[in-house]
């Protein structure tokens, strides 16, 4: 198993952790998130602050644990979590900005949105036209699949909130390379919508 110390620089925003906790406790049972998180990190406390940064390593492991407990693949877990999270956000001021901005503007802002929630992935838009978005996502190999699914899930949720239908999402290319802190993976992704 990978070491948490190796990935200690990678963080996830508290808002994402709070959404995960709420989702996991609703889907599995109340208290499940806190119990498992305490097993992963003895220093974990139940008080989660939206603007504080938490371990991406533990967040990724919690996603694996929850998916297994639910009998789901990681992809289904990440997609479902993010669609639910986006739907919740649509009751806030975000809804107003998303609806007036439209999908091209919103998907064009994905690099900034991703940075708002985690530093475990780099996101570069390479194509952003009506109905067609492509990007390169790069991250430590340990986080690559999780980041891909979380990003696609977020995009699904946003496009659904904008009354758009996703036609396809896929990984066009994968490339492994040596990063400064170990193996990294670069994925070229595509999402098409009506």
C-alpha atoms as a PDB file:
ATOM      1  CA  UNK A   1       0.000   0.000   0.000  1.00  0.00           C
ATOM      2  CA  UNK A   2       1.106   3.546  -0.692  1.00  0.00           C
ATOM      3  CA  UNK A   3       2.374   5.705   2.158  1.00  0.00           C
ATOM      4  CA  UNK A   4       0.355   8.771   3.245  1.00  0.00           C
ATOM      5  CA  UNK A   5       3.597  10.655   3.900  1.00  0.00           C
ATOM      6  CA  UNK A   6       4.547  10.367   0.223  1.00  0.00           C
ATOM      7  CA  UNK A   7       1.391  12.290  -0.710  1.00  0.00           C
ATOM      8  CA  UNK A   8       1.140  14.655   2.266  1.00  0.00           C
ATOM      9  CA  UNK A   9       1.436  17.749   0.036  1.00  0.00           C
ATOM     10  CA  UNK A  10      -1.789  16.879  -1.800  1.00  0.00           C
ATOM     11  CA  UNK A  11      -4.961  18.261  -0.280  1.00  0.00           C
ATOM     12  CA  UNK A  12      -8.724  18.417  -0.782  1.00  0.00           C
ATOM     13  CA  UNK A  13     -10.896  21.356   0.287  1.00  0.00           C
ATOM     14  CA  UNK A  14     -13.139  20.852   3.302  1.00  0.00           C
ATOM     15  CA  UNK A  15     -16.260  21.501   1.238  1.00  0.00           C
ATOM     16  CA  UNK A  16     -15.548  18.355  -0.782  1.00  0.00           C
ATOM     17  CA  UNK A  17     -14.895  16.329   2.371  1.00  0.00           C
ATOM     18  CA  UNK A  18     -18.136  17.560   3.952  1.00  0.00           C
ATOM     19  CA  UNK A  19     -20.067  16.578   0.799  1.00  0.00           C
ATOM     20  CA  UNK A  20     -18.408  13.144   0.848  1.00  0.00           C
ATOM     21  CA  UNK A  21     -19.218  12.631   4.516  1.00  0.00           C
ATOM     22  CA  UNK A  22     -22.878  13.573   4.019  1.00  0.00           C
ATOM     23  CA  UNK A  23     -23.180  11.329   0.964  1.00  0.00           C
ATOM     24  CA  UNK A  24     -21.433   8.333   2.568  1.00  0.00           C
ATOM     25  CA  UNK A  25     -23.431   8.570   5.790  1.00  0.00           C
ATOM     26  CA  UNK A  26     -26.705   8.805   3.819  1.00  0.00           C
ATOM     27  CA  UNK A  27     -25.827   5.933   1.467  1.00  0.00           C
ATOM     28  CA  UNK A  28     -24.235   3.544   3.975  1.00  0.00           C
ATOM     29  CA  UNK A  29     -25.214   4.531   7.522  1.00  0.00           C
ATOM     30  CA  UNK A  30     -24.822   7.487   9.882  1.00  0.00           C
ATOM     31  CA  UNK A  31     -21.349   7.614  11.426  1.00  0.00           C
ATOM     32  CA  UNK A  32     -19.685   5.381   8.833  1.00  0.00           C
ATOM     33  CA  UNK A  33     -17.511   8.195   7.471  1.00  0.00           C
ATOM     34  CA  UNK A  34     -16.186   9.232  10.894  1.00  0.00           C
ATOM     35  CA  UNK A  35     -15.462   5.629  11.909  1.00  0.00           C
ATOM     36  CA  UNK A  36     -13.477   4.823   8.785  1.00  0.00           C
ATOM     37  CA  UNK A  37     -11.699   8.174   8.651  1.00  0.00           C
ATOM     38  CA  UNK A  38     -10.542   7.708  12.251  1.00  0.00           C
ATOM     39  CA  UNK A  39      -9.078   4.320  11.204  1.00  0.00           C
ATOM     40  CA  UNK A  40      -7.205   6.003   8.331  1.00  0.00           C
ATOM     41  CA  UNK A  41      -6.021   8.942  10.406  1.00  0.00           C
ATOM     42  CA  UNK A  42      -5.927   8.730  14.216  1.00  0.00           C
ATOM     43  CA  UNK A  43      -5.639  12.566  14.300  1.00  0.00           C
ATOM     44  CA  UNK A  44      -8.974  12.957  12.465  1.00  0.00           C
ATOM     45  CA  UNK A  45     -11.618  15.006  14.258  1.00  0.00           C
ATOM     46  CA  UNK A  46     -15.305  15.169  13.395  1.00  0.00           C
ATOM     47  CA  UNK A  47     -15.172  18.943  13.036  1.00  0.00           C
ATOM     48  CA  UNK A  48     -14.729  19.623   9.325  1.00  0.00           C
ATOM     49  CA  UNK A  49     -14.357  23.204   8.121  1.00  0.00           C
ATOM     50  CA  UNK A  50     -15.357  24.099   4.532  1.00  0.00           C
ATOM     51  CA  UNK A  51     -12.317  26.257   3.804  1.00  0.00           C
ATOM     52  CA  UNK A  52      -9.683  24.039   5.462  1.00  0.00           C
ATOM     53  CA  UNK A  53      -7.520  21.694   3.383  1.00  0.00           C
ATOM     54  CA  UNK A  54      -7.461  17.973   4.235  1.00  0.00           C
ATOM     55  CA  UNK A  55      -5.484  14.937   3.062  1.00  0.00           C
ATOM     56  CA  UNK A  56      -6.213  13.961  -0.551  1.00  0.00           C
ATOM     57  CA  UNK A  57      -4.643  10.582   0.236  1.00  0.00           C
ATOM     58  CA  UNK A  58      -7.252   9.832   2.920  1.00  0.00           C
ATOM     59  CA  UNK A  59     -10.045  11.233   0.769  1.00  0.00           C
ATOM     60  CA  UNK A  60      -9.091   8.915  -2.092  1.00  0.00           C
ATOM     61  CA  UNK A  61      -8.878   5.929   0.278  1.00  0.00           C
ATOM     62  CA  UNK A  62     -12.286   6.847   1.736  1.00  0.00           C
ATOM     63  CA  UNK A  63     -13.736   6.844  -1.804  1.00  0.00           C
ATOM     64  CA  UNK A  64     -12.317   3.342  -2.316  1.00  0.00           C
ATOM     65  CA  UNK A  65     -13.740   2.155   1.028  1.00  0.00           C
ATOM     66  CA  UNK A  66     -17.199   3.646   0.403  1.00  0.00           C
ATOM     67  CA  UNK A  67     -17.396   2.270  -3.145  1.00  0.00           C
ATOM     68  CA  UNK A  68     -16.491  -1.208  -1.883  1.00  0.00           C
ATOM     69  CA  UNK A  69     -18.985  -0.988   0.990  1.00  0.00           C
ATOM     70  CA  UNK A  70     -21.740   0.012  -1.462  1.00  0.00           C
ATOM     71  CA  UNK A  71     -20.744  -2.732  -3.917  1.00  0.00           C
ATOM     72  CA  UNK A  72     -20.039  -0.103  -6.567  1.00  0.00           C
ATOM     73  CA  UNK A  73     -17.093   0.502  -8.838  1.00  0.00           C
ATOM     74  CA  UNK A  74     -15.088   3.627  -7.969  1.00  0.00           C
ATOM     75  CA  UNK A  75     -16.379   5.264 -11.157  1.00  0.00           C
ATOM     76  CA  UNK A  76     -20.035   4.902 -10.097  1.00  0.00           C
ATOM     77  CA  UNK A  77     -19.257   6.201  -6.616  1.00  0.00           C
ATOM     78  CA  UNK A  78     -17.414   9.309  -7.897  1.00  0.00           C
ATOM     79  CA  UNK A  79     -20.048  10.100 -10.539  1.00  0.00           C
ATOM     80  CA  UNK A  80     -22.957   9.689  -8.124  1.00  0.00           C
ATOM     81  CA  UNK A  81     -21.268  11.710  -5.363  1.00  0.00           C
ATOM     82  CA  UNK A  82     -20.507  14.606  -7.692  1.00  0.00           C
ATOM     83  CA  UNK A  83     -23.904  14.701  -9.378  1.00  0.00           C
ATOM     84  CA  UNK A  84     -25.523  14.829  -5.914  1.00  0.00           C
ATOM     85  CA  UNK A  85     -23.034  17.502  -4.759  1.00  0.00           C
ATOM     86  CA  UNK A  86     -23.640  19.664  -7.832  1.00  0.00           C
ATOM     87  CA  UNK A  87     -27.416  19.296  -7.424  1.00  0.00           C
ATOM     88  CA  UNK A  88     -27.039  20.511  -3.831  1.00  0.00           C
ATOM     89  CA  UNK A  89     -24.930  23.464  -5.017  1.00  0.00           C
ATOM     90  CA  UNK A  90     -27.624  24.393  -7.518  1.00  0.00           C
ATOM     91  CA  UNK A  91     -29.735  25.633  -4.623  1.00  0.00           C
ATOM     92  CA  UNK A  92     -27.111  28.316  -3.970  1.00  0.00           C
ATOM     93  CA  UNK A  93     -25.792  31.357  -5.806  1.00  0.00           C
ATOM     94  CA  UNK A  94     -23.792  28.996  -8.051  1.00  0.00           C
ATOM     95  CA  UNK A  95     -27.004  28.167  -9.899  1.00  0.00           C
ATOM     96  CA  UNK A  96     -27.392  31.739 -11.050  1.00  0.00           C
ATOM     97  CA  UNK A  97     -23.849  31.955 -12.413  1.00  0.00           C
ATOM     98  CA  UNK A  98     -23.999  28.547 -14.090  1.00  0.00           C
ATOM     99  CA  UNK A  99     -27.254  29.293 -15.859  1.00  0.00           C
ATOM    100  CA  UNK A 100     -26.218  32.698 -17.203  1.00  0.00           C
ATOM    101  CA  UNK A 101     -22.747  31.476 -18.131  1.00  0.00           C
ATOM    102  CA  UNK A 102     -23.789  28.403 -20.091  1.00  0.00           C
ATOM    103  CA  UNK A 103     -21.811  25.201 -20.612  1.00  0.00           C
ATOM    104  CA  UNK A 104     -18.939  26.593 -22.723  1.00  0.00           C
ATOM    105  CA  UNK A 105     -18.144  29.318 -20.199  1.00  0.00           C
ATOM    106  CA  UNK A 106     -18.565  26.977 -17.224  1.00  0.00           C
ATOM    107  CA  UNK A 107     -16.449  24.140 -18.677  1.00  0.00           C
ATOM    108  CA  UNK A 108     -13.842  26.705 -19.699  1.00  0.00           C
ATOM    109  CA  UNK A 109     -13.517  27.570 -16.001  1.00  0.00           C
ATOM    110  CA  UNK A 110     -12.884  23.945 -15.022  1.00  0.00           C
ATOM    111  CA  UNK A 111      -9.157  24.536 -14.252  1.00  0.00           C
ATOM    112  CA  UNK A 112     -10.099  27.181 -11.676  1.00  0.00           C
ATOM    113  CA  UNK A 113     -12.922  25.040 -10.251  1.00  0.00           C
ATOM    114  CA  UNK A 114     -10.604  22.036  -9.883  1.00  0.00           C
ATOM    115  CA  UNK A 115      -7.997  24.170  -8.060  1.00  0.00           C
ATOM    116  CA  UNK A 116     -10.755  25.297  -5.685  1.00  0.00           C
ATOM    117  CA  UNK A 117     -11.248  21.696  -4.534  1.00  0.00           C
ATOM    118  CA  UNK A 118      -7.864  19.957  -4.809  1.00  0.00           C
ATOM    119  CA  UNK A 119      -4.200  20.387  -5.642  1.00  0.00           C
ATOM    120  CA  UNK A 120      -3.824  16.695  -6.553  1.00  0.00           C
ATOM    121  CA  UNK A 121      -4.514  17.301 -10.257  1.00  0.00           C
ATOM    122  CA  UNK A 122      -3.489  19.775 -12.941  1.00  0.00           C
ATOM    123  CA  UNK A 123      -6.163  20.596 -15.537  1.00  0.00           C
ATOM    124  CA  UNK A 124      -5.486  22.137 -18.942  1.00  0.00           C
ATOM    125  CA  UNK A 125      -8.291  22.857 -21.410  1.00  0.00           C
ATOM    126  CA  UNK A 126      -7.248  22.018 -24.987  1.00  0.00           C
ATOM    127  CA  UNK A 127     -10.648  22.379 -26.679  1.00  0.00           C
ATOM    128  CA  UNK A 128     -13.812  24.067 -25.439  1.00  0.00           C
ATOM    129  CA  UNK A 129     -16.514  24.472 -28.039  1.00  0.00           C
ATOM    130  CA  UNK A 130     -20.283  24.143 -27.874  1.00  0.00           C
ATOM    131  CA  UNK A 131     -20.951  20.452 -27.291  1.00  0.00           C
ATOM    132  CA  UNK A 132     -17.290  19.412 -27.171  1.00  0.00           C
ATOM    133  CA  UNK A 133     -14.727  19.767 -24.370  1.00  0.00           C
ATOM    134  CA  UNK A 134     -11.253  18.233 -24.215  1.00  0.00           C
ATOM    135  CA  UNK A 135      -8.597  18.600 -21.572  1.00  0.00           C
ATOM    136  CA  UNK A 136      -5.399  17.138 -20.218  1.00  0.00           C
ATOM    137  CA  UNK A 137      -5.434  16.114 -16.579  1.00  0.00           C
ATOM    138  CA  UNK A 138      -2.151  15.266 -14.865  1.00  0.00           C
ATOM    139  CA  UNK A 139      -1.661  13.901 -11.388  1.00  0.00           C
ATOM    140  CA  UNK A 140       0.379  11.466  -9.361  1.00  0.00           C
ATOM    141  CA  UNK A 141      -0.490   7.981 -10.653  1.00  0.00           C
ATOM    142  CA  UNK A 142      -1.997   7.086  -7.256  1.00  0.00           C
ATOM    143  CA  UNK A 143      -4.721   9.737  -7.790  1.00  0.00           C
ATOM    144  CA  UNK A 144      -5.157   9.478 -11.595  1.00  0.00           C
ATOM    145  CA  UNK A 145      -8.252   7.283 -11.823  1.00  0.00           C
ATOM    146  CA  UNK A 146      -9.958   8.955  -8.837  1.00  0.00           C
ATOM    147  CA  UNK A 147      -9.310  12.439 -10.253  1.00  0.00           C
ATOM    148  CA  UNK A 148     -10.613  11.408 -13.677  1.00  0.00           C
ATOM    149  CA  UNK A 149     -13.857  10.035 -12.237  1.00  0.00           C
ATOM    150  CA  UNK A 150     -14.357  12.992  -9.894  1.00  0.00           C
ATOM    151  CA  UNK A 151     -13.869  15.472 -12.752  1.00  0.00           C
ATOM    152  CA  UNK A 152     -16.198  13.593 -15.110  1.00  0.00           C
ATOM    153  CA  UNK A 153     -18.783  13.289 -12.324  1.00  0.00           C
ATOM    154  CA  UNK A 154     -18.628  17.026 -11.686  1.00  0.00           C
ATOM    155  CA  UNK A 155     -19.020  17.756 -15.394  1.00  0.00           C
ATOM    156  CA  UNK A 156     -22.012  15.396 -15.595  1.00  0.00           C
ATOM    157  CA  UNK A 157     -23.626  17.190 -12.670  1.00  0.00           C
ATOM    158  CA  UNK A 158     -22.996  20.642 -14.136  1.00  0.00           C
ATOM    159  CA  UNK A 159     -24.253  19.709 -17.593  1.00  0.00           C
ATOM    160  CA  UNK A 160     -27.330  18.024 -16.104  1.00  0.00           C
ATOM    161  CA  UNK A 161     -28.026  21.172 -14.075  1.00  0.00           C
ATOM    162  CA  UNK A 162     -27.808  23.167 -17.315  1.00  0.00           C
ATOM    163  CA  UNK A 163     -30.348  20.796 -18.937  1.00  0.00           C
ATOM    164  CA  UNK A 164     -27.731  19.296 -21.236  1.00  0.00           C
ATOM    165  CA  UNK A 165     -27.349  15.603 -22.028  1.00  0.00           C
ATOM    166  CA  UNK A 166     -23.891  14.066 -22.021  1.00  0.00           C
ATOM    167  CA  UNK A 167     -23.405  12.109 -25.243  1.00  0.00           C
ATOM    168  CA  UNK A 168     -20.047  10.591 -24.376  1.00  0.00           C
ATOM    169  CA  UNK A 169     -17.109  10.864 -22.048  1.00  0.00           C
ATOM    170  CA  UNK A 170     -13.869   9.074 -22.638  1.00  0.00           C
ATOM    171  CA  UNK A 171     -10.162   9.012 -22.127  1.00  0.00           C
ATOM    172  CA  UNK A 172      -8.483   9.636 -25.464  1.00  0.00           C
ATOM    173  CA  UNK A 173      -4.927   8.930 -24.317  1.00  0.00           C
ATOM    174  CA  UNK A 174      -2.924   7.966 -21.235  1.00  0.00           C
ATOM    175  CA  UNK A 175       0.745   8.601 -20.676  1.00  0.00           C
ATOM    176  CA  UNK A 176       2.863   7.687 -17.669  1.00  0.00           C
ATOM    177  CA  UNK A 177       5.910   9.728 -16.761  1.00  0.00           C
ATOM    178  CA  UNK A 178       8.226  10.434 -13.857  1.00  0.00           C
ATOM    179  CA  UNK A 179       7.184  13.423 -11.770  1.00  0.00           C
ATOM    180  CA  UNK A 180       9.221  15.140  -9.104  1.00  0.00           C
ATOM    181  CA  UNK A 181       7.618  12.962  -6.412  1.00  0.00           C
ATOM    182  CA  UNK A 182       7.235   9.661  -8.270  1.00  0.00           C
ATOM    183  CA  UNK A 183       5.160   8.257 -11.128  1.00  0.00           C
ATOM    184  CA  UNK A 184       2.604  10.583 -12.670  1.00  0.00           C
ATOM    185  CA  UNK A 185      -0.073  10.012 -15.243  1.00  0.00           C
ATOM    186  CA  UNK A 186      -1.381  12.344 -17.927  1.00  0.00           C
ATOM    187  CA  UNK A 187      -4.825  11.646 -19.392  1.00  0.00           C
ATOM    188  CA  UNK A 188      -6.421  13.398 -22.340  1.00  0.00           C
ATOM    189  CA  UNK A 189     -10.142  13.415 -21.702  1.00  0.00           C
ATOM    190  CA  UNK A 190     -13.162  14.303 -23.803  1.00  0.00           C
ATOM    191  CA  UNK A 191     -16.790  14.999 -22.997  1.00  0.00           C
ATOM    192  CA  UNK A 192     -19.453  15.709 -25.618  1.00  0.00           C
ATOM    193  CA  UNK A 193     -22.936  16.986 -24.905  1.00  0.00           C
ATOM    194  CA  UNK A 194     -25.993  18.387 -26.688  1.00  0.00           C
END
